[in-house]
């Protein structure tokens, strides 16, 4: 069963995640702003170029989500 933290995050699918130029910059920046947080608990992020996501989910695409528990 997902915890309250996961449910709260899932209730707001339109929330704007932090944008970064690449995954390394995103994770390092999030680790700096959330010290002591393990990778799976870091906030969501998106890889973007000039503020636009470089990969989006379009009609016909599939996504696999792994929820805890």
C-alpha atoms as a PDB file:
ATOM      1  CA  UNK A   1       0.000   0.000   0.000  1.00  0.00           C
ATOM      2  CA  UNK A   2       1.484   3.381  -0.958  1.00  0.00           C
ATOM      3  CA  UNK A   3       2.354   5.678   1.904  1.00  0.00           C
ATOM      4  CA  UNK A   4       0.783   9.098   2.442  1.00  0.00           C
ATOM      5  CA  UNK A   5       3.841  10.746   0.891  1.00  0.00           C
ATOM      6  CA  UNK A   6       3.387   8.820  -2.354  1.00  0.00           C
ATOM      7  CA  UNK A   7      -0.342   9.420  -2.426  1.00  0.00           C
ATOM      8  CA  UNK A   8       0.149  13.156  -1.917  1.00  0.00           C
ATOM      9  CA  UNK A   9       2.615  13.273  -4.816  1.00  0.00           C
ATOM     10  CA  UNK A  10       0.260  11.249  -7.039  1.00  0.00           C
ATOM     11  CA  UNK A  11      -2.715  13.537  -6.321  1.00  0.00           C
ATOM     12  CA  UNK A  12      -1.103  16.448  -8.159  1.00  0.00           C
ATOM     13  CA  UNK A  13      -0.091  15.151 -11.613  1.00  0.00           C
ATOM     14  CA  UNK A  14       0.108  18.704 -12.979  1.00  0.00           C
ATOM     15  CA  UNK A  15       2.798  19.781 -10.515  1.00  0.00           C
ATOM     16  CA  UNK A  16       5.805  21.253 -12.289  1.00  0.00           C
ATOM     17  CA  UNK A  17       8.925  19.202 -11.573  1.00  0.00           C
ATOM     18  CA  UNK A  18      12.337  20.847 -11.410  1.00  0.00           C
ATOM     19  CA  UNK A  19      13.954  21.123 -14.844  1.00  0.00           C
ATOM     20  CA  UNK A  20      17.624  20.367 -15.480  1.00  0.00           C
ATOM     21  CA  UNK A  21      19.936  20.077 -18.477  1.00  0.00           C
ATOM     22  CA  UNK A  22      20.764  16.437 -17.693  1.00  0.00           C
ATOM     23  CA  UNK A  23      20.126  13.742 -15.106  1.00  0.00           C
ATOM     24  CA  UNK A  24      23.448  14.268 -13.321  1.00  0.00           C
ATOM     25  CA  UNK A  25      22.750  17.976 -12.807  1.00  0.00           C
ATOM     26  CA  UNK A  26      19.206  17.209 -11.662  1.00  0.00           C
ATOM     27  CA  UNK A  27      20.190  14.590  -9.092  1.00  0.00           C
ATOM     28  CA  UNK A  28      23.164  16.593  -7.777  1.00  0.00           C
ATOM     29  CA  UNK A  29      21.009  19.728  -7.445  1.00  0.00           C
ATOM     30  CA  UNK A  30      18.205  17.857  -5.704  1.00  0.00           C
ATOM     31  CA  UNK A  31      20.652  16.125  -3.342  1.00  0.00           C
ATOM     32  CA  UNK A  32      22.095  19.544  -2.432  1.00  0.00           C
ATOM     33  CA  UNK A  33      18.647  21.001  -1.726  1.00  0.00           C
ATOM     34  CA  UNK A  34      17.399  17.853   0.082  1.00  0.00           C
ATOM     35  CA  UNK A  35      20.406  16.639   2.124  1.00  0.00           C
ATOM     36  CA  UNK A  36      20.119  13.151   3.548  1.00  0.00           C
ATOM     37  CA  UNK A  37      17.350  12.146   1.125  1.00  0.00           C
ATOM     38  CA  UNK A  38      17.880   8.833  -0.644  1.00  0.00           C
ATOM     39  CA  UNK A  39      17.513   8.680  -4.432  1.00  0.00           C
ATOM     40  CA  UNK A  40      14.049   7.111  -4.479  1.00  0.00           C
ATOM     41  CA  UNK A  41      12.701   9.910  -2.287  1.00  0.00           C
ATOM     42  CA  UNK A  42      14.099  12.818  -4.302  1.00  0.00           C
ATOM     43  CA  UNK A  43      11.444  14.987  -5.965  1.00  0.00           C
ATOM     44  CA  UNK A  44      10.575  14.466  -9.598  1.00  0.00           C
ATOM     45  CA  UNK A  45      12.587  16.222 -12.296  1.00  0.00           C
ATOM     46  CA  UNK A  46      12.471  16.668 -16.045  1.00  0.00           C
ATOM     47  CA  UNK A  47      15.330  16.973 -18.528  1.00  0.00           C
ATOM     48  CA  UNK A  48      14.728  20.152 -20.524  1.00  0.00           C
ATOM     49  CA  UNK A  49      16.334  22.312 -23.178  1.00  0.00           C
ATOM     50  CA  UNK A  50      15.416  26.014 -23.055  1.00  0.00           C
ATOM     51  CA  UNK A  51      12.573  25.198 -20.661  1.00  0.00           C
ATOM     52  CA  UNK A  52      11.002  22.561 -22.907  1.00  0.00           C
ATOM     53  CA  UNK A  53      11.082  18.843 -22.040  1.00  0.00           C
ATOM     54  CA  UNK A  54      13.337  16.910 -24.407  1.00  0.00           C
ATOM     55  CA  UNK A  55      11.262  13.741 -24.139  1.00  0.00           C
ATOM     56  CA  UNK A  56       7.512  13.686 -23.693  1.00  0.00           C
ATOM     57  CA  UNK A  57       4.891  10.965 -23.465  1.00  0.00           C
ATOM     58  CA  UNK A  58       2.672  11.187 -26.521  1.00  0.00           C
ATOM     59  CA  UNK A  59      -0.532   9.422 -27.581  1.00  0.00           C
ATOM     60  CA  UNK A  60       0.194   5.752 -28.201  1.00  0.00           C
ATOM     61  CA  UNK A  61       3.209   5.673 -25.849  1.00  0.00           C
ATOM     62  CA  UNK A  62       3.387   3.403 -22.818  1.00  0.00           C
ATOM     63  CA  UNK A  63       4.825   4.062 -19.389  1.00  0.00           C
ATOM     64  CA  UNK A  64       5.671   1.613 -16.622  1.00  0.00           C
ATOM     65  CA  UNK A  65       5.461   2.912 -13.058  1.00  0.00           C
ATOM     66  CA  UNK A  66       6.871   1.043 -10.104  1.00  0.00           C
ATOM     67  CA  UNK A  67       5.170   2.024  -6.876  1.00  0.00           C
ATOM     68  CA  UNK A  68       6.529   1.015  -3.493  1.00  0.00           C
ATOM     69  CA  UNK A  69       5.040  -1.874  -1.605  1.00  0.00           C
END
